[in-house]
Amino acid sequence: MLQCKGTKYTQTHSLSLSLSLSLSLSLSRARSRTRVPVLTLGGTQLTNKDYSKYLGMIFTKTHNMAAAAEHMLTPLMAVCRRIRQFASEHRLTDRPHSMLWLAKGYALPASKYASQTWGH
């Protein structure tokens, strides 16, 4: 059993940890979960998971980038739908420069969120 060192850091810096949001993510290549050590935080055992969401990006045990891409597809498609709706409401669909400006201003940042966050 391993004790997380986060409690000492949070106490010295006047921070708090949410035990309900804390988890243990195993990124090892081992297929069995029996080898994963038990982590405790403040006397409470953290749950072991095979995936986690951090800063809008999905991390999986198998490093599955397709899962992360599928997760980011929903917000991107919502932005594209809103751009089309805005353009039709304001009669901008026949003005390519306006559609390009809307796409560059809203769809492009939504599609590059993870690369901007992680520096790729």
PDB file of N, CA and C in Angstrom:
ATOM      1  N   MET A   1       0.845  -1.172   0.000  1.00  0.00           N
ATOM      2  CA  MET A   1       0.000   0.000   0.000  1.00  0.00           C
ATOM      3  C   MET A   1       0.896   1.242   0.000  1.00  0.00           C
ATOM      4  N   LEU A   2       0.614   2.174  -0.898  1.00  0.00           N
ATOM      5  CA  LEU A   2       1.393   3.397  -1.018  1.00  0.00           C
ATOM      6  C   LEU A   2       0.568   4.590  -0.556  1.00  0.00           C
ATOM      7  N   GLN A   3       1.200   5.462   0.184  1.00  0.00           N
ATOM      8  CA  GLN A   3       0.542   6.685   0.653  1.00  0.00           C
ATOM      9  C   GLN A   3       0.904   7.820  -0.299  1.00  0.00           C
ATOM     10  N   CYS A   4      -0.087   8.521  -0.835  1.00  0.00           N
ATOM     11  CA  CYS A   4       0.176   9.651  -1.729  1.00  0.00           C
ATOM     12  C   CYS A   4       0.753  10.808  -0.940  1.00  0.00           C
ATOM     13  N   LYS A   5       1.693  11.503  -1.525  1.00  0.00           N
ATOM     14  CA  LYS A   5       2.353  12.620  -0.863  1.00  0.00           C
ATOM     15  C   LYS A   5       1.590  13.928  -1.043  1.00  0.00           C
ATOM     16  N   GLY A   6       0.459  13.879  -1.736  1.00  0.00           N
ATOM     17  CA  GLY A   6      -0.303  15.085  -2.004  1.00  0.00           C
ATOM     18  C   GLY A   6      -0.850  15.751  -0.766  1.00  0.00           C
ATOM     19  N   THR A   7      -1.110  14.994   0.294  1.00  0.00           N
ATOM     20  CA  THR A   7      -1.700  15.584   1.492  1.00  0.00           C
ATOM     21  C   THR A   7      -0.738  16.544   2.170  1.00  0.00           C
ATOM     22  N   LYS A   8       0.534  16.216   2.233  1.00  0.00           N
ATOM     23  CA  LYS A   8       1.504  17.116   2.859  1.00  0.00           C
ATOM     24  C   LYS A   8       1.662  18.395   2.038  1.00  0.00           C
ATOM     25  N   TYR A   9       1.701  18.254   0.718  1.00  0.00           N
ATOM     26  CA  TYR A   9       1.823  19.417  -0.157  1.00  0.00           C
ATOM     27  C   TYR A   9       0.608  20.328  -0.019  1.00  0.00           C
ATOM     28  N   THR A  10      -0.574  19.748   0.016  1.00  0.00           N
ATOM     29  CA  THR A  10      -1.781  20.573   0.120  1.00  0.00           C
ATOM     30  C   THR A  10      -1.862  21.281   1.460  1.00  0.00           C
ATOM     31  N   GLN A  11      -1.406  20.648   2.522  1.00  0.00           N
ATOM     32  CA  GLN A  11      -1.433  21.285   3.829  1.00  0.00           C
ATOM     33  C   GLN A  11      -0.459  22.450   3.900  1.00  0.00           C
ATOM     34  N   THR A  12       0.739  22.289   3.333  1.00  0.00           N
ATOM     35  CA  THR A  12       1.725  23.365   3.394  1.00  0.00           C
ATOM     36  C   THR A  12       1.356  24.533   2.475  1.00  0.00           C
ATOM     37  N   HIS A  13       0.551  24.290   1.452  1.00  0.00           N
ATOM     38  CA  HIS A  13       0.174  25.345   0.519  1.00  0.00           C
ATOM     39  C   HIS A  13      -1.294  25.761   0.669  1.00  0.00           C
ATOM     40  N   SER A  14      -1.931  25.350   1.754  1.00  0.00           N
ATOM     41  CA  SER A  14      -3.331  25.693   2.059  1.00  0.00           C
ATOM     42  C   SER A  14      -4.272  25.343   0.909  1.00  0.00           C
ATOM     43  N   LEU A  15      -4.137  24.131   0.379  1.00  0.00           N
ATOM     44  CA  LEU A  15      -5.007  23.636  -0.686  1.00  0.00           C
ATOM     45  C   LEU A  15      -5.837  22.479  -0.153  1.00  0.00           C
ATOM     46  N   SER A  16      -6.829  22.069  -0.914  1.00  0.00           N
ATOM     47  CA  SER A  16      -7.620  20.904  -0.520  1.00  0.00           C
ATOM     48  C   SER A  16      -7.744  19.960  -1.702  1.00  0.00           C
ATOM     49  N   LEU A  17      -7.831  18.675  -1.414  1.00  0.00           N
ATOM     50  CA  LEU A  17      -8.017  17.644  -2.426  1.00  0.00           C
ATOM     51  C   LEU A  17      -9.414  17.079  -2.311  1.00  0.00           C
ATOM     52  N   SER A  18     -10.028  16.823  -3.447  1.00  0.00           N
ATOM     53  CA  SER A  18     -11.348  16.205  -3.469  1.00  0.00           C
ATOM     54  C   SER A  18     -11.171  14.698  -3.622  1.00  0.00           C
ATOM     55  N   LEU A  19     -11.486  13.959  -2.594  1.00  0.00           N
ATOM     56  CA  LEU A  19     -11.336  12.502  -2.656  1.00  0.00           C
ATOM     57  C   LEU A  19     -12.307  11.878  -3.640  1.00  0.00           C
ATOM     58  N   SER A  20     -13.465  12.515  -3.842  1.00  0.00           N
ATOM     59  CA  SER A  20     -14.435  11.951  -4.778  1.00  0.00           C
ATOM     60  C   SER A  20     -13.957  12.102  -6.224  1.00  0.00           C
ATOM     61  N   LEU A  21     -13.077  13.062  -6.504  1.00  0.00           N
ATOM     62  CA  LEU A  21     -12.570  13.264  -7.859  1.00  0.00           C
ATOM     63  C   LEU A  21     -11.187  12.663  -8.071  1.00  0.00           C
ATOM     64  N   SER A  22     -10.567  12.155  -7.023  1.00  0.00           N
ATOM     65  CA  SER A  22      -9.229  11.577  -7.132  1.00  0.00           C
ATOM     66  C   SER A  22      -9.323  10.116  -7.521  1.00  0.00           C
ATOM     67  N   LEU A  23      -8.398   9.675  -8.372  1.00  0.00           N
ATOM     68  CA  LEU A  23      -8.364   8.276  -8.776  1.00  0.00           C
ATOM     69  C   LEU A  23      -6.937   7.876  -9.073  1.00  0.00           C
ATOM     70  N   SER A  24      -6.735   6.594  -9.205  1.00  0.00           N
ATOM     71  CA  SER A  24      -5.437   6.038  -9.541  1.00  0.00           C
ATOM     72  C   SER A  24      -5.517   5.537 -10.972  1.00  0.00           C
ATOM     73  N   LEU A  25      -4.649   6.057 -11.848  1.00  0.00           N
ATOM     74  CA  LEU A  25      -4.640   5.668 -13.252  1.00  0.00           C
ATOM     75  C   LEU A  25      -3.392   4.868 -13.532  1.00  0.00           C
ATOM     76  N   SER A  26      -3.569   3.630 -13.932  1.00  0.00           N
ATOM     77  CA  SER A  26      -2.448   2.752 -14.242  1.00  0.00           C
ATOM     78  C   SER A  26      -2.158   2.833 -15.733  1.00  0.00           C
ATOM     79  N   LEU A  27      -0.970   3.299 -16.074  1.00  0.00           N
ATOM     80  CA  LEU A  27      -0.570   3.387 -17.476  1.00  0.00           C
ATOM     81  C   LEU A  27       0.440   2.311 -17.844  1.00  0.00           C
ATOM     82  N   SER A  28       0.543   1.290 -17.013  1.00  0.00           N
ATOM     83  CA  SER A  28       1.487   0.212 -17.318  1.00  0.00           C
ATOM     84  C   SER A  28       0.925  -0.669 -18.421  1.00  0.00           C
ATOM     85  N   ARG A  29       1.807  -1.404 -19.059  1.00  0.00           N
ATOM     86  CA  ARG A  29       1.383  -2.272 -20.153  1.00  0.00           C
ATOM     87  C   ARG A  29       0.865  -3.619 -19.652  1.00  0.00           C
ATOM     88  N   ALA A  30       0.992  -3.883 -18.370  1.00  0.00           N
ATOM     89  CA  ALA A  30       0.533  -5.166 -17.823  1.00  0.00           C
ATOM     90  C   ALA A  30      -0.976  -5.280 -17.978  1.00  0.00           C
ATOM     91  N   ARG A  31      -1.433  -6.434 -18.377  1.00  0.00           N
ATOM     92  CA  ARG A  31      -2.868  -6.621 -18.604  1.00  0.00           C
ATOM     93  C   ARG A  31      -3.646  -6.857 -17.306  1.00  0.00           C
ATOM     94  N   SER A  32      -2.990  -7.427 -16.318  1.00  0.00           N
ATOM     95  CA  SER A  32      -3.726  -7.728 -15.092  1.00  0.00           C
ATOM     96  C   SER A  32      -3.675  -6.543 -14.141  1.00  0.00           C
ATOM     97  N   ARG A  33      -4.758  -6.338 -13.451  1.00  0.00           N
ATOM     98  CA  ARG A  33      -4.844  -5.246 -12.487  1.00  0.00           C
ATOM     99  C   ARG A  33      -4.349  -5.683 -11.110  1.00  0.00           C
ATOM    100  N   THR A  34      -3.945  -6.936 -10.979  1.00  0.00           N
ATOM    101  CA  THR A  34      -3.500  -7.411  -9.675  1.00  0.00           C
ATOM    102  C   THR A  34      -2.145  -6.828  -9.308  1.00  0.00           C
ATOM    103  N   ARG A  35      -1.361  -6.409 -10.282  1.00  0.00           N
ATOM    104  CA  ARG A  35      -0.042  -5.856 -10.018  1.00  0.00           C
ATOM    105  C   ARG A  35      -0.077  -4.376  -9.655  1.00  0.00           C
ATOM    106  N   VAL A  36      -1.193  -3.721  -9.871  1.00  0.00           N
ATOM    107  CA  VAL A  36      -1.305  -2.292  -9.596  1.00  0.00           C
ATOM    108  C   VAL A  36      -1.308  -2.083  -8.089  1.00  0.00           C
ATOM    109  N   PRO A  37      -0.408  -1.235  -7.573  1.00  0.00           N
ATOM    110  CA  PRO A  37      -0.383  -1.013  -6.126  1.00  0.00           C
ATOM    111  C   PRO A  37      -1.621  -0.241  -5.664  1.00  0.00           C
ATOM    112  N   VAL A  38      -1.990  -0.457  -4.433  1.00  0.00           N
ATOM    113  CA  VAL A  38      -3.117   0.243  -3.846  1.00  0.00           C
ATOM    114  C   VAL A  38      -2.622   1.592  -3.330  1.00  0.00           C
ATOM    115  N   LEU A  39      -3.226   2.667  -3.806  1.00  0.00           N
ATOM    116  CA  LEU A  39      -2.865   4.005  -3.364  1.00  0.00           C
ATOM    117  C   LEU A  39      -3.924   4.529  -2.405  1.00  0.00           C
ATOM    118  N   THR A  40      -3.461   5.171  -1.343  1.00  0.00           N
ATOM    119  CA  THR A  40      -4.396   5.770  -0.400  1.00  0.00           C
ATOM    120  C   THR A  40      -4.116   7.266  -0.311  1.00  0.00           C
ATOM    121  N   LEU A  41      -5.149   8.006  -0.055  1.00  0.00           N
ATOM    122  CA  LEU A  41      -5.056   9.452   0.098  1.00  0.00           C
ATOM    123  C   LEU A  41      -5.888   9.827   1.318  1.00  0.00           C
ATOM    124  N   GLY A  42      -5.227  10.284   2.343  1.00  0.00           N
ATOM    125  CA  GLY A  42      -5.931  10.634   3.565  1.00  0.00           C
ATOM    126  C   GLY A  42      -6.619   9.444   4.212  1.00  0.00           C
ATOM    127  N   GLY A  43      -6.030   8.259   4.067  1.00  0.00           N
ATOM    128  CA  GLY A  43      -6.603   7.050   4.647  1.00  0.00           C
ATOM    129  C   GLY A  43      -7.683   6.411   3.793  1.00  0.00           C
ATOM    130  N   THR A  44      -8.041   7.016   2.668  1.00  0.00           N
ATOM    131  CA  THR A  44      -9.063   6.482   1.773  1.00  0.00           C
ATOM    132  C   THR A  44      -8.388   5.882   0.547  1.00  0.00           C
ATOM    133  N   GLN A  45      -8.804   4.670   0.192  1.00  0.00           N
ATOM    134  CA  GLN A  45      -8.219   3.994  -0.958  1.00  0.00           C
ATOM    135  C   GLN A  45      -8.759   4.626  -2.245  1.00  0.00           C
ATOM    136  N   LEU A  46      -7.843   4.948  -3.170  1.00  0.00           N
ATOM    137  CA  LEU A  46      -8.240   5.510  -4.462  1.00  0.00           C
ATOM    138  C   LEU A  46      -8.661   4.393  -5.402  1.00  0.00           C
ATOM    139  N   THR A  47      -9.679   4.652  -6.201  1.00  0.00           N
ATOM    140  CA  THR A  47     -10.145   3.645  -7.150  1.00  0.00           C
ATOM    141  C   THR A  47      -9.190   3.581  -8.334  1.00  0.00           C
ATOM    142  N   ASN A  48      -8.962   2.374  -8.834  1.00  0.00           N
ATOM    143  CA  ASN A  48      -8.117   2.166 -10.008  1.00  0.00           C
ATOM    144  C   ASN A  48      -8.980   2.257 -11.255  1.00  0.00           C
ATOM    145  N   LYS A  49      -8.522   3.015 -12.234  1.00  0.00           N
ATOM    146  CA  LYS A  49      -9.247   3.175 -13.494  1.00  0.00           C
ATOM    147  C   LYS A  49      -8.306   2.904 -14.654  1.00  0.00           C
ATOM    148  N   ASP A  50      -8.884   2.568 -15.797  1.00  0.00           N
ATOM    149  CA  ASP A  50      -8.109   2.361 -17.008  1.00  0.00           C
ATOM    150  C   ASP A  50      -8.112   3.596 -17.902  1.00  0.00           C
ATOM    151  N   TYR A  51      -8.894   4.615 -17.543  1.00  0.00           N
ATOM    152  CA  TYR A  51      -8.945   5.841 -18.324  1.00  0.00           C
ATOM    153  C   TYR A  51      -9.173   7.020 -17.385  1.00  0.00           C
ATOM    154  N   SER A  52      -8.833   8.207 -17.852  1.00  0.00           N
ATOM    155  CA  SER A  52      -9.046   9.418 -17.076  1.00  0.00           C
ATOM    156  C   SER A  52      -9.186  10.595 -18.024  1.00  0.00           C
ATOM    157  N   LYS A  53      -9.878  11.616 -17.583  1.00  0.00           N
ATOM    158  CA  LYS A  53     -10.029  12.841 -18.357  1.00  0.00           C
ATOM    159  C   LYS A  53      -9.261  13.939 -17.619  1.00  0.00           C
ATOM    160  N   TYR A  54      -8.339  14.582 -18.326  1.00  0.00           N
ATOM    161  CA  TYR A  54      -7.528  15.642 -17.724  1.00  0.00           C
ATOM    162  C   TYR A  54      -7.397  16.769 -18.738  1.00  0.00           C
ATOM    163  N   LEU A  55      -7.808  17.967 -18.353  1.00  0.00           N
ATOM    164  CA  LEU A  55      -7.781  19.142 -19.218  1.00  0.00           C
ATOM    165  C   LEU A  55      -8.457  18.888 -20.565  1.00  0.00           C
ATOM    166  N   GLY A  56      -9.579  18.186 -20.522  1.00  0.00           N
ATOM    167  CA  GLY A  56     -10.352  17.943 -21.724  1.00  0.00           C
ATOM    168  C   GLY A  56      -9.839  16.834 -22.608  1.00  0.00           C
ATOM    169  N   MET A  57      -8.783  16.160 -22.208  1.00  0.00           N
ATOM    170  CA  MET A  57      -8.184  15.094 -23.014  1.00  0.00           C
ATOM    171  C   MET A  57      -8.391  13.773 -22.297  1.00  0.00           C
ATOM    172  N   ILE A  58      -8.751  12.738 -23.043  1.00  0.00           N
ATOM    173  CA  ILE A  58      -8.947  11.405 -22.482  1.00  0.00           C
ATOM    174  C   ILE A  58      -7.624  10.644 -22.542  1.00  0.00           C
ATOM    175  N   PHE A  59      -7.203  10.125 -21.405  1.00  0.00           N
ATOM    176  CA  PHE A  59      -6.022   9.270 -21.325  1.00  0.00           C
ATOM    177  C   PHE A  59      -6.487   7.859 -21.012  1.00  0.00           C
ATOM    178  N   THR A  60      -6.034   6.896 -21.803  1.00  0.00           N
ATOM    179  CA  THR A  60      -6.403   5.502 -21.581  1.00  0.00           C
ATOM    180  C   THR A  60      -5.156   4.685 -21.274  1.00  0.00           C
ATOM    181  N   LYS A  61      -5.387   3.545 -20.684  1.00  0.00           N
ATOM    182  CA  LYS A  61      -4.288   2.647 -20.333  1.00  0.00           C
ATOM    183  C   LYS A  61      -3.547   2.182 -21.583  1.00  0.00           C
ATOM    184  N   THR A  62      -4.279   2.018 -22.678  1.00  0.00           N
ATOM    185  CA  THR A  62      -3.674   1.538 -23.921  1.00  0.00           C
ATOM    186  C   THR A  62      -3.215   2.681 -24.824  1.00  0.00           C
ATOM    187  N   HIS A  63      -3.274   3.907 -24.341  1.00  0.00           N
ATOM    188  CA  HIS A  63      -2.878   5.097 -25.109  1.00  0.00           C
ATOM    189  C   HIS A  63      -3.647   5.183 -26.427  1.00  0.00           C
ATOM    190  N   ASN A  64      -4.943   4.960 -26.347  1.00  0.00           N
ATOM    191  CA  ASN A  64      -5.821   4.947 -27.511  1.00  0.00           C
ATOM    192  C   ASN A  64      -6.161   6.374 -27.928  1.00  0.00           C
ATOM    193  N   MET A  65      -5.506   6.869 -28.976  1.00  0.00           N
ATOM    194  CA  MET A  65      -5.763   8.225 -29.449  1.00  0.00           C
ATOM    195  C   MET A  65      -7.107   8.343 -30.137  1.00  0.00           C
ATOM    196  N   ALA A  66      -7.644   7.237 -30.645  1.00  0.00           N
ATOM    197  CA  ALA A  66      -8.967   7.270 -31.280  1.00  0.00           C
ATOM    198  C   ALA A  66     -10.036   7.626 -30.247  1.00  0.00           C
ATOM    199  N   ALA A  67      -9.898   7.137 -29.026  1.00  0.00           N
ATOM    200  CA  ALA A  67     -10.868   7.474 -27.981  1.00  0.00           C
ATOM    201  C   ALA A  67     -10.809   8.956 -27.649  1.00  0.00           C
ATOM    202  N   ALA A  68      -9.600   9.517 -27.610  1.00  0.00           N
ATOM    203  CA  ALA A  68      -9.452  10.948 -27.346  1.00  0.00           C
ATOM    204  C   ALA A  68     -10.026  11.774 -28.484  1.00  0.00           C
ATOM    205  N   ALA A  69      -9.806  11.335 -29.711  1.00  0.00           N
ATOM    206  CA  ALA A  69     -10.339  12.059 -30.867  1.00  0.00           C
ATOM    207  C   ALA A  69     -11.864  12.009 -30.894  1.00  0.00           C
ATOM    208  N   GLU A  70     -12.435  10.858 -30.599  1.00  0.00           N
ATOM    209  CA  GLU A  70     -13.897  10.746 -30.561  1.00  0.00           C
ATOM    210  C   GLU A  70     -14.497  11.619 -29.469  1.00  0.00           C
ATOM    211  N   HIS A  71     -13.782  11.738 -28.355  1.00  0.00           N
ATOM    212  CA  HIS A  71     -14.261  12.580 -27.264  1.00  0.00           C
ATOM    213  C   HIS A  71     -14.272  14.056 -27.676  1.00  0.00           C
ATOM    214  N   MET A  72     -13.285  14.483 -28.452  1.00  0.00           N
ATOM    215  CA  MET A  72     -13.201  15.873 -28.887  1.00  0.00           C
ATOM    216  C   MET A  72     -14.129  16.168 -30.061  1.00  0.00           C
ATOM    217  N   LEU A  73     -14.634  15.132 -30.734  1.00  0.00           N
ATOM    218  CA  LEU A  73     -15.478  15.330 -31.904  1.00  0.00           C
ATOM    219  C   LEU A  73     -16.820  15.962 -31.548  1.00  0.00           C
ATOM    220  N   THR A  74     -17.392  15.623 -30.420  1.00  0.00           N
ATOM    221  CA  THR A  74     -18.699  16.159 -30.033  1.00  0.00           C
ATOM    222  C   THR A  74     -18.686  17.675 -29.875  1.00  0.00           C
ATOM    223  N   PRO A  75     -17.743  18.275 -29.115  1.00  0.00           N
ATOM    224  CA  PRO A  75     -17.728  19.733 -29.033  1.00  0.00           C
ATOM    225  C   PRO A  75     -17.442  20.405 -30.378  1.00  0.00           C
ATOM    226  N   LEU A  76     -16.584  19.787 -31.193  1.00  0.00           N
ATOM    227  CA  LEU A  76     -16.270  20.368 -32.501  1.00  0.00           C
ATOM    228  C   LEU A  76     -17.510  20.385 -33.391  1.00  0.00           C
ATOM    229  N   MET A  77     -18.246  19.298 -33.416  1.00  0.00           N
ATOM    230  CA  MET A  77     -19.455  19.245 -34.240  1.00  0.00           C
ATOM    231  C   MET A  77     -20.518  20.221 -33.727  1.00  0.00           C
ATOM    232  N   ALA A  78     -20.577  20.427 -32.429  1.00  0.00           N
ATOM    233  CA  ALA A  78     -21.515  21.399 -31.873  1.00  0.00           C
ATOM    234  C   ALA A  78     -21.154  22.819 -32.314  1.00  0.00           C
ATOM    235  N   VAL A  79     -19.866  23.124 -32.359  1.00  0.00           N
ATOM    236  CA  VAL A  79     -19.421  24.441 -32.822  1.00  0.00           C
ATOM    237  C   VAL A  79     -19.755  24.621 -34.302  1.00  0.00           C
ATOM    238  N   CYS A  80     -19.507  23.595 -35.100  1.00  0.00           N
ATOM    239  CA  CYS A  80     -19.814  23.672 -36.534  1.00  0.00           C
ATOM    240  C   CYS A  80     -21.308  23.854 -36.769  1.00  0.00           C
ATOM    241  N   ARG A  81     -22.125  23.159 -35.998  1.00  0.00           N
ATOM    242  CA  ARG A  81     -23.581  23.308 -36.126  1.00  0.00           C
ATOM    243  C   ARG A  81     -24.007  24.726 -35.759  1.00  0.00           C
ATOM    244  N   ARG A  82     -23.405  25.272 -34.715  1.00  0.00           N
ATOM    245  CA  ARG A  82     -23.745  26.637 -34.295  1.00  0.00           C
ATOM    246  C   ARG A  82     -23.295  27.664 -35.332  1.00  0.00           C
ATOM    247  N   ILE A  83     -22.164  27.445 -35.981  1.00  0.00           N
ATOM    248  CA  ILE A  83     -21.706  28.340 -37.048  1.00  0.00           C
ATOM    249  C   ILE A  83     -22.691  28.323 -38.205  1.00  0.00           C
ATOM    250  N   ARG A  84     -23.120  27.120 -38.618  1.00  0.00           N
ATOM    251  CA  ARG A  84     -24.098  27.031 -39.713  1.00  0.00           C
ATOM    252  C   ARG A  84     -25.401  27.710 -39.346  1.00  0.00           C
ATOM    253  N   GLN A  85     -25.839  27.515 -38.103  1.00  0.00           N
ATOM    254  CA  GLN A  85     -27.081  28.136 -37.644  1.00  0.00           C
ATOM    255  C   GLN A  85     -26.947  29.660 -37.641  1.00  0.00           C
ATOM    256  N   PHE A  86     -25.836  30.178 -37.125  1.00  0.00           N
ATOM    257  CA  PHE A  86     -25.605  31.622 -37.085  1.00  0.00           C
ATOM    258  C   PHE A  86     -25.549  32.199 -38.501  1.00  0.00           C
ATOM    259  N   ALA A  87     -24.849  31.493 -39.400  1.00  0.00           N
ATOM    260  CA  ALA A  87     -24.720  31.972 -40.780  1.00  0.00           C
ATOM    261  C   ALA A  87     -26.073  32.002 -41.489  1.00  0.00           C
ATOM    262  N   SER A  88     -26.900  31.001 -41.261  1.00  0.00           N
ATOM    263  CA  SER A  88     -28.216  31.015 -41.922  1.00  0.00           C
ATOM    264  C   SER A  88     -29.132  32.074 -41.323  1.00  0.00           C
ATOM    265  N   GLU A  89     -29.049  32.308 -40.016  1.00  0.00           N
ATOM    266  CA  GLU A  89     -29.871  33.338 -39.379  1.00  0.00           C
ATOM    267  C   GLU A  89     -29.506  34.739 -39.862  1.00  0.00           C
ATOM    268  N   HIS A  90     -28.241  34.968 -40.156  1.00  0.00           N
ATOM    269  CA  HIS A  90     -27.767  36.290 -40.580  1.00  0.00           C
ATOM    270  C   HIS A  90     -27.483  36.367 -42.075  1.00  0.00           C
ATOM    271  N   ARG A  91     -27.960  35.366 -42.821  1.00  0.00           N
ATOM    272  CA  ARG A  91     -27.826  35.314 -44.284  1.00  0.00           C
ATOM    273  C   ARG A  91     -26.372  35.476 -44.734  1.00  0.00           C
ATOM    274  N   LEU A  92     -25.497  34.689 -44.131  1.00  0.00           N
ATOM    275  CA  LEU A  92     -24.074  34.735 -44.460  1.00  0.00           C
ATOM    276  C   LEU A  92     -23.603  33.519 -45.255  1.00  0.00           C
ATOM    277  N   THR A  93     -24.504  32.617 -45.565  1.00  0.00           N
ATOM    278  CA  THR A  93     -24.087  31.379 -46.229  1.00  0.00           C
ATOM    279  C   THR A  93     -23.568  31.614 -47.640  1.00  0.00           C
ATOM    280  N   ASP A  94     -23.963  32.696 -48.288  1.00  0.00           N
ATOM    281  CA  ASP A  94     -23.476  32.991 -49.639  1.00  0.00           C
ATOM    282  C   ASP A  94     -22.237  33.892 -49.632  1.00  0.00           C
ATOM    283  N   ARG A  95     -21.666  34.136 -48.463  1.00  0.00           N
ATOM    284  CA  ARG A  95     -20.453  34.958 -48.339  1.00  0.00           C
ATOM    285  C   ARG A  95     -19.316  34.083 -47.802  1.00  0.00           C
ATOM    286  N   PRO A  96     -18.514  33.547 -48.705  1.00  0.00           N
ATOM    287  CA  PRO A  96     -17.453  32.612 -48.280  1.00  0.00           C
ATOM    288  C   PRO A  96     -16.458  33.218 -47.291  1.00  0.00           C
ATOM    289  N   HIS A  97     -16.136  34.502 -47.437  1.00  0.00           N
ATOM    290  CA  HIS A  97     -15.167  35.105 -46.521  1.00  0.00           C
ATOM    291  C   HIS A  97     -15.715  35.162 -45.093  1.00  0.00           C
ATOM    292  N   SER A  98     -17.016  35.365 -44.958  1.00  0.00           N
ATOM    293  CA  SER A  98     -17.626  35.385 -43.626  1.00  0.00           C
ATOM    294  C   SER A  98     -17.631  33.995 -43.010  1.00  0.00           C
ATOM    295  N   MET A  99     -17.944  32.998 -43.827  1.00  0.00           N
ATOM    296  CA  MET A  99     -17.935  31.614 -43.329  1.00  0.00           C
ATOM    297  C   MET A  99     -16.514  31.200 -42.932  1.00  0.00           C
ATOM    298  N   LEU A 100     -15.531  31.612 -43.730  1.00  0.00           N
ATOM    299  CA  LEU A 100     -14.142  31.300 -43.402  1.00  0.00           C
ATOM    300  C   LEU A 100     -13.721  31.972 -42.101  1.00  0.00           C
ATOM    301  N   TRP A 101     -14.118  33.228 -41.907  1.00  0.00           N
ATOM    302  CA  TRP A 101     -13.783  33.950 -40.686  1.00  0.00           C
ATOM    303  C   TRP A 101     -14.415  33.276 -39.468  1.00  0.00           C
ATOM    304  N   LEU A 102     -15.670  32.851 -39.598  1.00  0.00           N
ATOM    305  CA  LEU A 102     -16.345  32.165 -38.484  1.00  0.00           C
ATOM    306  C   LEU A 102     -15.655  30.834 -38.177  1.00  0.00           C
ATOM    307  N   ALA A 103     -15.294  30.100 -39.225  1.00  0.00           N
ATOM    308  CA  ALA A 103     -14.634  28.809 -39.017  1.00  0.00           C
ATOM    309  C   ALA A 103     -13.261  29.003 -38.371  1.00  0.00           C
ATOM    310  N   LYS A 104     -12.497  30.003 -38.842  1.00  0.00           N
ATOM    311  CA  LYS A 104     -11.178  30.253 -38.261  1.00  0.00           C
ATOM    312  C   LYS A 104     -11.283  30.742 -36.821  1.00  0.00           C
ATOM    313  N   GLY A 105     -12.336  31.485 -36.514  1.00  0.00           N
ATOM    314  CA  GLY A 105     -12.481  32.037 -35.167  1.00  0.00           C
ATOM    315  C   GLY A 105     -13.054  31.077 -34.149  1.00  0.00           C
ATOM    316  N   TYR A 106     -13.884  30.118 -34.603  1.00  0.00           N
ATOM    317  CA  TYR A 106     -14.580  29.255 -33.648  1.00  0.00           C
ATOM    318  C   TYR A 106     -14.289  27.765 -33.838  1.00  0.00           C
ATOM    319  N   ALA A 107     -14.347  27.260 -35.056  1.00  0.00           N
ATOM    320  CA  ALA A 107     -14.161  25.822 -35.266  1.00  0.00           C
ATOM    321  C   ALA A 107     -12.697  25.413 -35.122  1.00  0.00           C
ATOM    322  N   LEU A 108     -11.794  26.215 -35.654  1.00  0.00           N
ATOM    323  CA  LEU A 108     -10.375  25.865 -35.584  1.00  0.00           C
ATOM    324  C   LEU A 108      -9.862  25.785 -34.144  1.00  0.00           C
ATOM    325  N   PRO A 109     -10.151  26.767 -33.278  1.00  0.00           N
ATOM    326  CA  PRO A 109      -9.707  26.620 -31.880  1.00  0.00           C
ATOM    327  C   PRO A 109     -10.333  25.414 -31.176  1.00  0.00           C
ATOM    328  N   ALA A 110     -11.590  25.118 -31.486  1.00  0.00           N
ATOM    329  CA  ALA A 110     -12.235  23.954 -30.855  1.00  0.00           C
ATOM    330  C   ALA A 110     -11.579  22.657 -31.305  1.00  0.00           C
ATOM    331  N   SER A 111     -11.119  22.619 -32.551  1.00  0.00           N
ATOM    332  CA  SER A 111     -10.495  21.390 -33.047  1.00  0.00           C
ATOM    333  C   SER A 111      -9.066  21.228 -32.547  1.00  0.00           C
ATOM    334  N   LYS A 112      -8.431  22.314 -32.144  1.00  0.00           N
ATOM    335  CA  LYS A 112      -7.037  22.257 -31.707  1.00  0.00           C
ATOM    336  C   LYS A 112      -6.876  22.400 -30.208  1.00  0.00           C
ATOM    337  N   TYR A 113      -7.932  22.230 -29.440  1.00  0.00           N
ATOM    338  CA  TYR A 113      -7.841  22.448 -27.999  1.00  0.00           C
ATOM    339  C   TYR A 113      -6.759  21.578 -27.365  1.00  0.00           C
ATOM    340  N   ALA A 114      -6.767  20.294 -27.644  1.00  0.00           N
ATOM    341  CA  ALA A 114      -5.809  19.399 -26.997  1.00  0.00           C
ATOM    342  C   ALA A 114      -4.388  19.704 -27.437  1.00  0.00           C
ATOM    343  N   SER A 115      -4.194  20.036 -28.724  1.00  0.00           N
ATOM    344  CA  SER A 115      -2.829  20.313 -29.171  1.00  0.00           C
ATOM    345  C   SER A 115      -2.309  21.615 -28.561  1.00  0.00           C
ATOM    346  N   GLN A 116      -3.181  22.590 -28.341  1.00  0.00           N
ATOM    347  CA  GLN A 116      -2.754  23.828 -27.683  1.00  0.00           C
ATOM    348  C   GLN A 116      -2.443  23.577 -26.213  1.00  0.00           C
ATOM    349  N   THR A 117      -3.260  22.742 -25.578  1.00  0.00           N
ATOM    350  CA  THR A 117      -3.056  22.450 -24.166  1.00  0.00           C
ATOM    351  C   THR A 117      -1.776  21.663 -23.937  1.00  0.00           C
ATOM    352  N   TRP A 118      -1.512  20.687 -24.770  1.00  0.00           N
ATOM    353  CA  TRP A 118      -0.382  19.784 -24.566  1.00  0.00           C
ATOM    354  C   TRP A 118       0.839  20.153 -25.388  1.00  0.00           C
ATOM    355  N   GLY A 119       0.781  21.229 -26.170  1.00  0.00           N
ATOM    356  CA  GLY A 119       1.949  21.734 -26.874  1.00  0.00           C
ATOM    357  C   GLY A 119       2.372  20.937 -28.081  1.00  0.00           C
ATOM    358  N   HIS A 120       1.431  20.336 -28.813  1.00  0.00           N
ATOM    359  CA  HIS A 120       1.782  19.589 -30.039  1.00  0.00           C
ATOM    360  C   HIS A 120       1.320  20.347 -31.239  1.00  0.00           C
TER     361      HIS A 120
END
